């Protein structure tokens, strides 16, 4: 029993004596003396208080461990985490410094968070921040543009909530640099609408542009023209010299035709040796004939 109680150097206890008096005890030695003179009921009270103090100590230890774990998670997070109060950064994790190029001291010294935001979206960001602080509906997660210390912009995904920080209103914000994701999305978008071999628009992009050109022609009354182009004897080139030579030929065809068209026109590869030229706003049929003549011209030049 001594060993069990003496693991604590001091704690509090409330017990009742035979005479019905309540006694406060704050040391292990006094508790031992009290146990010797208490009835069974008093001893039970002492045991219950002791167990509760044991549980409290364990809880305090767990909270300390949880705080350490939480701090570790925040400081090693891949996302930038920042607390904004009165428009200033009052807390930030190391990742925020990595993302922005500023030191922690430099970020906390900024008069507001606005220098970190691209000018094109500052008004939107500030409006969202103020609405969140006021408890009004605001986007929980959205994309925006931030600025690095060197002035370069980069896309981020931001989520934030209103909190109380050291007794005053603030916002807790988590920022993810989505530059790599945006590059991947743009690449996927490009691959979905372009021919991999020639880099020209594919049939899907041609369809979209054709619909737009038709709508424009209907609004303005100015017609459009569609030219279908294929290469005679291309199969023979493939069979005789191999697909590598055939692919090179298709790339050179695309390179020779494209400069002959206007910026508003579209040259697309449908597949194989088939190409389509979409000419918009054709006010003069003679202009189409002239374009056809120019397209036929490059084939007299030897392919290298």
C-alpha atoms as a PDB file:
ATOM      1  CA  UNK A   1       0.000   0.000   0.000  1.00  0.00           C
ATOM      2  CA  UNK A   2       2.878   2.406   0.833  1.00  0.00           C
ATOM      3  CA  UNK A   3       4.410   1.873  -2.581  1.00  0.00           C
ATOM      4  CA  UNK A   4       1.127   2.572  -4.346  1.00  0.00           C
ATOM      5  CA  UNK A   5       0.460   5.835  -2.516  1.00  0.00           C
ATOM      6  CA  UNK A   6       4.031   7.121  -2.436  1.00  0.00           C
ATOM      7  CA  UNK A   7       4.314   7.249  -6.216  1.00  0.00           C
ATOM      8  CA  UNK A   8       2.723  10.713  -5.838  1.00  0.00           C
ATOM      9  CA  UNK A   9       4.523  13.403  -3.869  1.00  0.00           C
ATOM     10  CA  UNK A  10       1.441  15.509  -3.355  1.00  0.00           C
ATOM     11  CA  UNK A  11      -2.218  15.489  -4.225  1.00  0.00           C
ATOM     12  CA  UNK A  12      -5.545  16.521  -2.743  1.00  0.00           C
ATOM     13  CA  UNK A  13      -8.232  14.420  -1.042  1.00  0.00           C
ATOM     14  CA  UNK A  14     -11.478  15.009   0.828  1.00  0.00           C
ATOM     15  CA  UNK A  15     -12.533  12.431   3.476  1.00  0.00           C
ATOM     16  CA  UNK A  16     -15.099  12.173   6.287  1.00  0.00           C
ATOM     17  CA  UNK A  17     -14.253  11.025   9.834  1.00  0.00           C
ATOM     18  CA  UNK A  18     -16.350   9.023  12.299  1.00  0.00           C
ATOM     19  CA  UNK A  19     -17.472  12.274  13.853  1.00  0.00           C
ATOM     20  CA  UNK A  20     -18.792  13.435  10.477  1.00  0.00           C
ATOM     21  CA  UNK A  21     -16.147  16.113   9.750  1.00  0.00           C
ATOM     22  CA  UNK A  22     -14.735  16.680   6.245  1.00  0.00           C
ATOM     23  CA  UNK A  23     -10.957  16.846   6.104  1.00  0.00           C
ATOM     24  CA  UNK A  24      -8.752  18.058   3.206  1.00  0.00           C
ATOM     25  CA  UNK A  25      -5.463  16.156   2.821  1.00  0.00           C
ATOM     26  CA  UNK A  26      -2.628  17.375   0.510  1.00  0.00           C
ATOM     27  CA  UNK A  27       0.333  15.074   1.224  1.00  0.00           C
ATOM     28  CA  UNK A  28       1.002  11.367   0.985  1.00  0.00           C
ATOM     29  CA  UNK A  29       2.255  11.142   4.588  1.00  0.00           C
ATOM     30  CA  UNK A  30      -0.828  12.858   5.976  1.00  0.00           C
ATOM     31  CA  UNK A  31      -2.962  10.547   3.866  1.00  0.00           C
ATOM     32  CA  UNK A  32      -1.292   7.502   5.412  1.00  0.00           C
ATOM     33  CA  UNK A  33      -1.909   8.846   8.918  1.00  0.00           C
ATOM     34  CA  UNK A  34      -5.516   9.516   8.005  1.00  0.00           C
ATOM     35  CA  UNK A  35      -6.048   6.012   6.662  1.00  0.00           C
ATOM     36  CA  UNK A  36      -4.939   4.563  10.014  1.00  0.00           C
ATOM     37  CA  UNK A  37      -7.698   6.433  11.860  1.00  0.00           C
ATOM     38  CA  UNK A  38     -10.532   6.329   9.342  1.00  0.00           C
ATOM     39  CA  UNK A  39     -13.488   4.021   9.233  1.00  0.00           C
ATOM     40  CA  UNK A  40     -14.127   1.810   6.236  1.00  0.00           C
ATOM     41  CA  UNK A  41     -16.163   4.586   4.620  1.00  0.00           C
ATOM     42  CA  UNK A  42     -13.317   7.051   4.971  1.00  0.00           C
ATOM     43  CA  UNK A  43     -10.837   4.567   3.564  1.00  0.00           C
ATOM     44  CA  UNK A  44     -13.142   4.014   0.577  1.00  0.00           C
ATOM     45  CA  UNK A  45     -13.228   7.754  -0.087  1.00  0.00           C
ATOM     46  CA  UNK A  46      -9.442   7.893   0.035  1.00  0.00           C
ATOM     47  CA  UNK A  47      -9.145   5.008  -2.406  1.00  0.00           C
ATOM     48  CA  UNK A  48     -11.615   6.615  -4.828  1.00  0.00           C
ATOM     49  CA  UNK A  49      -9.797   9.959  -4.755  1.00  0.00           C
ATOM     50  CA  UNK A  50      -6.477   8.218  -5.248  1.00  0.00           C
ATOM     51  CA  UNK A  51      -7.788   6.390  -8.314  1.00  0.00           C
ATOM     52  CA  UNK A  52      -9.208   9.592  -9.742  1.00  0.00           C
ATOM     53  CA  UNK A  53      -5.877  11.337  -9.274  1.00  0.00           C
ATOM     54  CA  UNK A  54      -4.175   8.455 -11.041  1.00  0.00           C
ATOM     55  CA  UNK A  55      -6.609   8.817 -13.953  1.00  0.00           C
ATOM     56  CA  UNK A  56      -6.074  12.592 -14.007  1.00  0.00           C
ATOM     57  CA  UNK A  57      -2.311  12.171 -14.154  1.00  0.00           C
ATOM     58  CA  UNK A  58      -2.650   9.719 -17.034  1.00  0.00           C
ATOM     59  CA  UNK A  59      -4.961  12.142 -18.840  1.00  0.00           C
ATOM     60  CA  UNK A  60      -2.516  15.030 -18.407  1.00  0.00           C
ATOM     61  CA  UNK A  61       0.269  12.826 -19.742  1.00  0.00           C
ATOM     62  CA  UNK A  62      -1.884  11.806 -22.721  1.00  0.00           C
ATOM     63  CA  UNK A  63      -2.731  15.433 -23.470  1.00  0.00           C
ATOM     64  CA  UNK A  64       0.949  16.296 -23.434  1.00  0.00           C
ATOM     65  CA  UNK A  65       1.720  13.422 -25.769  1.00  0.00           C
ATOM     66  CA  UNK A  66      -1.176  14.425 -28.040  1.00  0.00           C
ATOM     67  CA  UNK A  67       0.069  18.024 -28.125  1.00  0.00           C
ATOM     68  CA  UNK A  68       3.545  16.831 -29.092  1.00  0.00           C
ATOM     69  CA  UNK A  69       2.075  14.583 -31.794  1.00  0.00           C
ATOM     70  CA  UNK A  70      -0.109  17.386 -33.139  1.00  0.00           C
ATOM     71  CA  UNK A  71       2.849  19.779 -33.213  1.00  0.00           C
ATOM     72  CA  UNK A  72       4.910  17.200 -35.095  1.00  0.00           C
ATOM     73  CA  UNK A  73       2.134  16.674 -37.654  1.00  0.00           C
ATOM     74  CA  UNK A  74       1.753  20.407 -38.244  1.00  0.00           C
ATOM     75  CA  UNK A  75       5.476  21.082 -38.528  1.00  0.00           C
ATOM     76  CA  UNK A  76       6.074  18.208 -40.965  1.00  0.00           C
ATOM     77  CA  UNK A  77       2.884  18.653 -43.013  1.00  0.00           C
ATOM     78  CA  UNK A  78       3.169  18.840 -46.795  1.00  0.00           C
ATOM     79  CA  UNK A  79       0.600  21.654 -46.727  1.00  0.00           C
ATOM     80  CA  UNK A  80       1.253  25.189 -45.607  1.00  0.00           C
ATOM     81  CA  UNK A  81      -0.642  25.890 -42.370  1.00  0.00           C
ATOM     82  CA  UNK A  82      -1.146  29.451 -41.193  1.00  0.00           C
ATOM     83  CA  UNK A  83      -3.247  31.349 -38.649  1.00  0.00           C
ATOM     84  CA  UNK A  84      -4.332  34.829 -39.780  1.00  0.00           C
ATOM     85  CA  UNK A  85      -5.425  37.392 -37.206  1.00  0.00           C
ATOM     86  CA  UNK A  86      -6.087  41.048 -38.027  1.00  0.00           C
ATOM     87  CA  UNK A  87      -4.910  40.217 -41.565  1.00  0.00           C
ATOM     88  CA  UNK A  88      -1.448  39.252 -40.269  1.00  0.00           C
ATOM     89  CA  UNK A  89       0.208  35.853 -40.043  1.00  0.00           C
ATOM     90  CA  UNK A  90       0.519  35.027 -36.338  1.00  0.00           C
ATOM     91  CA  UNK A  91       1.383  31.349 -36.754  1.00  0.00           C
ATOM     92  CA  UNK A  92       2.801  29.341 -39.650  1.00  0.00           C
ATOM     93  CA  UNK A  93       4.520  26.008 -40.175  1.00  0.00           C
ATOM     94  CA  UNK A  94       7.864  25.410 -41.976  1.00  0.00           C
ATOM     95  CA  UNK A  95       6.119  24.320 -45.183  1.00  0.00           C
ATOM     96  CA  UNK A  96       4.672  27.830 -45.530  1.00  0.00           C
ATOM     97  CA  UNK A  97       8.218  29.199 -45.670  1.00  0.00           C
ATOM     98  CA  UNK A  98       9.207  26.619 -48.286  1.00  0.00           C
ATOM     99  CA  UNK A  99       6.222  27.496 -50.473  1.00  0.00           C
ATOM    100  CA  UNK A 100       6.657  31.269 -50.352  1.00  0.00           C
ATOM    101  CA  UNK A 101      10.444  31.647 -50.176  1.00  0.00           C
ATOM    102  CA  UNK A 102      10.165  33.866 -47.084  1.00  0.00           C
ATOM    103  CA  UNK A 103      11.608  33.138 -43.645  1.00  0.00           C
ATOM    104  CA  UNK A 104       9.260  32.789 -40.678  1.00  0.00           C
ATOM    105  CA  UNK A 105      10.348  36.183 -39.352  1.00  0.00           C
ATOM    106  CA  UNK A 106       9.728  37.829 -42.727  1.00  0.00           C
ATOM    107  CA  UNK A 107       6.241  36.345 -43.015  1.00  0.00           C
ATOM    108  CA  UNK A 108       5.249  37.425 -39.519  1.00  0.00           C
ATOM    109  CA  UNK A 109       6.610  40.922 -40.200  1.00  0.00           C
ATOM    110  CA  UNK A 110       4.351  41.450 -43.226  1.00  0.00           C
ATOM    111  CA  UNK A 111       1.665  44.111 -42.583  1.00  0.00           C
ATOM    112  CA  UNK A 112      -0.959  41.721 -43.989  1.00  0.00           C
ATOM    113  CA  UNK A 113      -1.272  38.513 -45.978  1.00  0.00           C
ATOM    114  CA  UNK A 114      -2.053  40.431 -49.195  1.00  0.00           C
ATOM    115  CA  UNK A 115       1.574  40.525 -50.502  1.00  0.00           C
ATOM    116  CA  UNK A 116       1.394  36.718 -50.701  1.00  0.00           C
ATOM    117  CA  UNK A 117      -1.585  36.818 -53.068  1.00  0.00           C
ATOM    118  CA  UNK A 118      -1.548  37.473 -56.805  1.00  0.00           C
ATOM    119  CA  UNK A 119      -3.066  40.939 -57.493  1.00  0.00           C
ATOM    120  CA  UNK A 120      -5.665  39.435 -59.836  1.00  0.00           C
ATOM    121  CA  UNK A 121      -7.369  37.551 -56.973  1.00  0.00           C
ATOM    122  CA  UNK A 122      -6.678  39.736 -53.927  1.00  0.00           C
ATOM    123  CA  UNK A 123     -10.190  41.181 -53.763  1.00  0.00           C
ATOM    124  CA  UNK A 124     -11.758  37.719 -53.877  1.00  0.00           C
ATOM    125  CA  UNK A 125      -9.397  36.346 -51.224  1.00  0.00           C
ATOM    126  CA  UNK A 126     -10.007  39.267 -48.881  1.00  0.00           C
ATOM    127  CA  UNK A 127     -13.782  39.001 -49.315  1.00  0.00           C
ATOM    128  CA  UNK A 128     -13.698  35.282 -48.487  1.00  0.00           C
ATOM    129  CA  UNK A 129     -11.515  35.947 -45.443  1.00  0.00           C
ATOM    130  CA  UNK A 130     -13.837  38.635 -44.068  1.00  0.00           C
ATOM    131  CA  UNK A 131     -16.959  36.535 -44.665  1.00  0.00           C
ATOM    132  CA  UNK A 132     -15.368  33.595 -42.871  1.00  0.00           C
ATOM    133  CA  UNK A 133     -14.485  35.787 -39.880  1.00  0.00           C
ATOM    134  CA  UNK A 134     -18.029  37.169 -39.758  1.00  0.00           C
ATOM    135  CA  UNK A 135     -19.520  33.680 -39.780  1.00  0.00           C
ATOM    136  CA  UNK A 136     -21.118  34.262 -43.168  1.00  0.00           C
ATOM    137  CA  UNK A 137     -21.257  31.595 -45.922  1.00  0.00           C
ATOM    138  CA  UNK A 138     -17.918  31.350 -47.718  1.00  0.00           C
ATOM    139  CA  UNK A 139     -16.156  28.684 -49.787  1.00  0.00           C
ATOM    140  CA  UNK A 140     -14.602  26.040 -47.560  1.00  0.00           C
ATOM    141  CA  UNK A 141     -12.155  25.018 -50.285  1.00  0.00           C
ATOM    142  CA  UNK A 142     -11.185  26.829 -53.472  1.00  0.00           C
ATOM    143  CA  UNK A 143      -8.286  27.459 -55.832  1.00  0.00           C
ATOM    144  CA  UNK A 144      -6.363  30.704 -56.062  1.00  0.00           C
ATOM    145  CA  UNK A 145      -3.011  32.213 -57.075  1.00  0.00           C
ATOM    146  CA  UNK A 146      -0.224  33.054 -54.634  1.00  0.00           C
ATOM    147  CA  UNK A 147       3.061  34.928 -55.036  1.00  0.00           C
ATOM    148  CA  UNK A 148       6.529  33.806 -54.033  1.00  0.00           C
ATOM    149  CA  UNK A 149       9.095  36.191 -52.606  1.00  0.00           C
ATOM    150  CA  UNK A 150      10.701  36.449 -56.062  1.00  0.00           C
ATOM    151  CA  UNK A 151       7.392  37.636 -57.553  1.00  0.00           C
ATOM    152  CA  UNK A 152       6.505  34.449 -59.428  1.00  0.00           C
ATOM    153  CA  UNK A 153       2.944  33.184 -59.098  1.00  0.00           C
ATOM    154  CA  UNK A 154       1.834  29.636 -58.395  1.00  0.00           C
ATOM    155  CA  UNK A 155      -1.572  27.965 -58.009  1.00  0.00           C
ATOM    156  CA  UNK A 156      -2.759  26.863 -54.586  1.00  0.00           C
ATOM    157  CA  UNK A 157      -5.776  25.106 -53.130  1.00  0.00           C
ATOM    158  CA  UNK A 158      -6.937  26.763 -49.922  1.00  0.00           C
ATOM    159  CA  UNK A 159      -9.291  25.660 -47.175  1.00  0.00           C
ATOM    160  CA  UNK A 160     -10.005  27.677 -44.054  1.00  0.00           C
ATOM    161  CA  UNK A 161     -12.171  27.922 -40.943  1.00  0.00           C
ATOM    162  CA  UNK A 162     -12.836  30.603 -38.358  1.00  0.00           C
ATOM    163  CA  UNK A 163     -11.210  29.951 -34.960  1.00  0.00           C
ATOM    164  CA  UNK A 164     -10.394  31.732 -31.705  1.00  0.00           C
ATOM    165  CA  UNK A 165      -6.639  32.252 -31.339  1.00  0.00           C
ATOM    166  CA  UNK A 166      -5.435  33.387 -27.920  1.00  0.00           C
ATOM    167  CA  UNK A 167      -8.863  34.758 -27.113  1.00  0.00           C
ATOM    168  CA  UNK A 168      -9.424  36.689 -30.349  1.00  0.00           C
ATOM    169  CA  UNK A 169     -11.069  35.860 -33.718  1.00  0.00           C
ATOM    170  CA  UNK A 170      -8.796  34.439 -36.407  1.00  0.00           C
ATOM    171  CA  UNK A 171      -8.813  32.019 -39.319  1.00  0.00           C
ATOM    172  CA  UNK A 172      -6.939  28.742 -39.650  1.00  0.00           C
ATOM    173  CA  UNK A 173      -5.904  28.127 -43.249  1.00  0.00           C
ATOM    174  CA  UNK A 174      -4.370  25.160 -45.046  1.00  0.00           C
ATOM    175  CA  UNK A 175      -2.677  25.765 -48.402  1.00  0.00           C
ATOM    176  CA  UNK A 176      -1.556  23.175 -50.932  1.00  0.00           C
ATOM    177  CA  UNK A 177       0.749  24.003 -53.828  1.00  0.00           C
ATOM    178  CA  UNK A 178      -1.030  22.449 -56.825  1.00  0.00           C
ATOM    179  CA  UNK A 179       1.507  23.446 -59.495  1.00  0.00           C
ATOM    180  CA  UNK A 180       2.323  19.826 -60.365  1.00  0.00           C
ATOM    181  CA  UNK A 181      -1.358  18.942 -60.513  1.00  0.00           C
ATOM    182  CA  UNK A 182      -2.089  21.848 -62.846  1.00  0.00           C
ATOM    183  CA  UNK A 183       0.749  20.824 -65.157  1.00  0.00           C
ATOM    184  CA  UNK A 184      -0.616  17.270 -65.231  1.00  0.00           C
ATOM    185  CA  UNK A 185      -4.144  18.529 -65.937  1.00  0.00           C
ATOM    186  CA  UNK A 186      -2.922  20.755 -68.762  1.00  0.00           C
ATOM    187  CA  UNK A 187      -0.957  17.872 -70.220  1.00  0.00           C
ATOM    188  CA  UNK A 188      -3.996  15.598 -70.100  1.00  0.00           C
ATOM    189  CA  UNK A 189      -6.106  18.323 -71.682  1.00  0.00           C
ATOM    190  CA  UNK A 190      -3.529  18.772 -74.430  1.00  0.00           C
ATOM    191  CA  UNK A 191      -3.286  15.027 -75.107  1.00  0.00           C
ATOM    192  CA  UNK A 192      -7.070  14.770 -75.275  1.00  0.00           C
ATOM    193  CA  UNK A 193      -7.276  17.411 -78.018  1.00  0.00           C
ATOM    194  CA  UNK A 194      -4.054  17.040 -79.996  1.00  0.00           C
ATOM    195  CA  UNK A 195      -2.434  14.484 -82.250  1.00  0.00           C
ATOM    196  CA  UNK A 196       0.631  13.084 -80.499  1.00  0.00           C
ATOM    197  CA  UNK A 197       2.682  12.670 -83.670  1.00  0.00           C
ATOM    198  CA  UNK A 198       2.227  16.068 -85.316  1.00  0.00           C
ATOM    199  CA  UNK A 199       1.011  18.229 -82.436  1.00  0.00           C
ATOM    200  CA  UNK A 200      -1.967  19.314 -84.563  1.00  0.00           C
ATOM    201  CA  UNK A 201      -5.524  19.420 -83.240  1.00  0.00           C
ATOM    202  CA  UNK A 202      -7.156  15.987 -83.424  1.00  0.00           C
ATOM    203  CA  UNK A 203     -10.656  15.092 -84.577  1.00  0.00           C
ATOM    204  CA  UNK A 204     -12.189  16.021 -81.201  1.00  0.00           C
ATOM    205  CA  UNK A 205     -10.798  19.548 -81.223  1.00  0.00           C
ATOM    206  CA  UNK A 206     -11.695  19.888 -84.900  1.00  0.00           C
ATOM    207  CA  UNK A 207     -15.285  18.986 -84.058  1.00  0.00           C
ATOM    208  CA  UNK A 208     -15.394  21.684 -81.350  1.00  0.00           C
ATOM    209  CA  UNK A 209     -13.922  24.336 -83.632  1.00  0.00           C
ATOM    210  CA  UNK A 210     -16.198  23.333 -86.487  1.00  0.00           C
ATOM    211  CA  UNK A 211     -19.244  23.832 -84.251  1.00  0.00           C
ATOM    212  CA  UNK A 212     -17.927  27.252 -83.235  1.00  0.00           C
ATOM    213  CA  UNK A 213     -17.217  28.185 -86.865  1.00  0.00           C
ATOM    214  CA  UNK A 214     -20.719  27.145 -87.948  1.00  0.00           C
ATOM    215  CA  UNK A 215     -22.271  29.237 -85.168  1.00  0.00           C
ATOM    216  CA  UNK A 216     -20.119  32.214 -86.202  1.00  0.00           C
ATOM    217  CA  UNK A 217     -21.115  31.806 -89.857  1.00  0.00           C
ATOM    218  CA  UNK A 218     -24.795  31.723 -88.897  1.00  0.00           C
ATOM    219  CA  UNK A 219     -24.454  34.931 -86.860  1.00  0.00           C
ATOM    220  CA  UNK A 220     -22.437  36.891 -89.411  1.00  0.00           C
ATOM    221  CA  UNK A 221     -23.671  35.392 -92.668  1.00  0.00           C
ATOM    222  CA  UNK A 222     -20.053  34.858 -93.775  1.00  0.00           C
ATOM    223  CA  UNK A 223     -19.455  31.254 -94.919  1.00  0.00           C
ATOM    224  CA  UNK A 224     -16.672  28.857 -93.991  1.00  0.00           C
ATOM    225  CA  UNK A 225     -14.761  26.239 -95.973  1.00  0.00           C
ATOM    226  CA  UNK A 226     -13.525  22.742 -95.110  1.00  0.00           C
ATOM    227  CA  UNK A 227     -10.656  21.180 -97.075  1.00  0.00           C
ATOM    228  CA  UNK A 228      -9.955  17.434 -96.906  1.00  0.00           C
ATOM    229  CA  UNK A 229      -6.316  16.518 -97.562  1.00  0.00           C
ATOM    230  CA  UNK A 230      -4.786  13.062 -97.941  1.00  0.00           C
ATOM    231  CA  UNK A 231      -1.416  11.867 -99.209  1.00  0.00           C
ATOM    232  CA  UNK A 232      -1.319   9.684-102.302  1.00  0.00           C
ATOM    233  CA  UNK A 233       1.098   6.776-102.050  1.00  0.00           C
ATOM    234  CA  UNK A 234       1.624   7.131 -98.304  1.00  0.00           C
ATOM    235  CA  UNK A 235       1.033   3.416 -97.713  1.00  0.00           C
ATOM    236  CA  UNK A 236       3.816   2.633-100.153  1.00  0.00           C
ATOM    237  CA  UNK A 237       6.206   4.868 -98.171  1.00  0.00           C
ATOM    238  CA  UNK A 238       5.313   3.038 -94.970  1.00  0.00           C
ATOM    239  CA  UNK A 239       5.675  -0.389 -96.567  1.00  0.00           C
ATOM    240  CA  UNK A 240       8.963   0.414 -98.330  1.00  0.00           C
ATOM    241  CA  UNK A 241      10.767   2.522 -95.738  1.00  0.00           C
ATOM    242  CA  UNK A 242       9.071   1.651 -92.448  1.00  0.00           C
ATOM    243  CA  UNK A 243       6.767   3.485 -90.066  1.00  0.00           C
ATOM    244  CA  UNK A 244       9.543   5.655 -88.663  1.00  0.00           C
ATOM    245  CA  UNK A 245      10.059   7.269 -92.070  1.00  0.00           C
ATOM    246  CA  UNK A 246       6.291   7.487 -92.558  1.00  0.00           C
ATOM    247  CA  UNK A 247       5.893   9.282 -89.224  1.00  0.00           C
ATOM    248  CA  UNK A 248       8.639  11.730 -90.171  1.00  0.00           C
ATOM    249  CA  UNK A 249       6.851  12.422 -93.458  1.00  0.00           C
ATOM    250  CA  UNK A 250       3.561  13.184 -91.665  1.00  0.00           C
ATOM    251  CA  UNK A 251       5.344  15.608 -89.334  1.00  0.00           C
ATOM    252  CA  UNK A 252       6.895  17.463 -92.272  1.00  0.00           C
ATOM    253  CA  UNK A 253       3.535  17.630 -94.049  1.00  0.00           C
ATOM    254  CA  UNK A 254       2.016  19.281 -90.979  1.00  0.00           C
ATOM    255  CA  UNK A 255       4.944  21.711 -90.718  1.00  0.00           C
ATOM    256  CA  UNK A 256       4.589  22.737 -94.386  1.00  0.00           C
ATOM    257  CA  UNK A 257       0.825  23.230 -94.478  1.00  0.00           C
ATOM    258  CA  UNK A 258       0.227  25.012 -91.169  1.00  0.00           C
ATOM    259  CA  UNK A 259       2.144  28.244 -92.025  1.00  0.00           C
ATOM    260  CA  UNK A 260       0.039  28.575 -95.197  1.00  0.00           C
ATOM    261  CA  UNK A 261      -3.172  29.067 -93.205  1.00  0.00           C
ATOM    262  CA  UNK A 262      -4.391  32.097 -91.299  1.00  0.00           C
ATOM    263  CA  UNK A 263      -4.190  32.292 -87.498  1.00  0.00           C
ATOM    264  CA  UNK A 264      -7.970  31.907 -87.311  1.00  0.00           C
ATOM    265  CA  UNK A 265      -7.925  28.714 -89.420  1.00  0.00           C
ATOM    266  CA  UNK A 266      -7.397  25.181 -88.118  1.00  0.00           C
ATOM    267  CA  UNK A 267      -5.311  22.346 -89.514  1.00  0.00           C
ATOM    268  CA  UNK A 268      -6.168  19.009 -87.916  1.00  0.00           C
ATOM    269  CA  UNK A 269      -5.015  15.448 -88.388  1.00  0.00           C
ATOM    270  CA  UNK A 270      -7.870  12.961 -88.551  1.00  0.00           C
ATOM    271  CA  UNK A 271      -5.613   9.895 -88.495  1.00  0.00           C
ATOM    272  CA  UNK A 272      -3.330   8.048 -90.894  1.00  0.00           C
ATOM    273  CA  UNK A 273      -2.493  10.351 -93.818  1.00  0.00           C
ATOM    274  CA  UNK A 274      -5.754  12.339 -93.582  1.00  0.00           C
ATOM    275  CA  UNK A 275      -5.744  16.035 -92.689  1.00  0.00           C
ATOM    276  CA  UNK A 276      -8.524  18.643 -92.574  1.00  0.00           C
ATOM    277  CA  UNK A 277      -8.171  22.410 -92.980  1.00  0.00           C
ATOM    278  CA  UNK A 278     -10.992  24.522 -91.536  1.00  0.00           C
ATOM    279  CA  UNK A 279     -11.131  28.025 -93.037  1.00  0.00           C
ATOM    280  CA  UNK A 280     -13.361  30.486 -91.177  1.00  0.00           C
ATOM    281  CA  UNK A 281     -14.928  33.748 -92.421  1.00  0.00           C
ATOM    282  CA  UNK A 282     -14.398  33.047 -96.119  1.00  0.00           C
ATOM    283  CA  UNK A 283     -15.809  36.151 -97.799  1.00  0.00           C
ATOM    284  CA  UNK A 284     -14.385  35.389-101.259  1.00  0.00           C
ATOM    285  CA  UNK A 285     -14.448  31.926-102.926  1.00  0.00           C
ATOM    286  CA  UNK A 286     -11.341  32.950-104.839  1.00  0.00           C
ATOM    287  CA  UNK A 287      -9.541  33.129-101.515  1.00  0.00           C
ATOM    288  CA  UNK A 288     -10.285  29.439-100.925  1.00  0.00           C
ATOM    289  CA  UNK A 289      -8.943  28.549-104.373  1.00  0.00           C
ATOM    290  CA  UNK A 290      -5.809  30.547-103.643  1.00  0.00           C
ATOM    291  CA  UNK A 291      -5.319  28.679-100.334  1.00  0.00           C
ATOM    292  CA  UNK A 292      -5.729  25.321-102.105  1.00  0.00           C
ATOM    293  CA  UNK A 293      -3.101  26.328-104.656  1.00  0.00           C
ATOM    294  CA  UNK A 294      -0.673  27.300-101.906  1.00  0.00           C
ATOM    295  CA  UNK A 295      -1.227  23.980-100.107  1.00  0.00           C
ATOM    296  CA  UNK A 296      -0.387  22.076-103.275  1.00  0.00           C
ATOM    297  CA  UNK A 297       2.825  24.034-103.792  1.00  0.00           C
ATOM    298  CA  UNK A 298       5.122  22.603-101.075  1.00  0.00           C
ATOM    299  CA  UNK A 299       4.992  19.066-102.471  1.00  0.00           C
ATOM    300  CA  UNK A 300       7.295  20.055-105.301  1.00  0.00           C
ATOM    301  CA  UNK A 301      10.053  20.557-102.723  1.00  0.00           C
ATOM    302  CA  UNK A 302      12.008  17.434-101.871  1.00  0.00           C
ATOM    303  CA  UNK A 303      11.490  16.021 -98.362  1.00  0.00           C
ATOM    304  CA  UNK A 304      14.725  15.643 -96.437  1.00  0.00           C
END
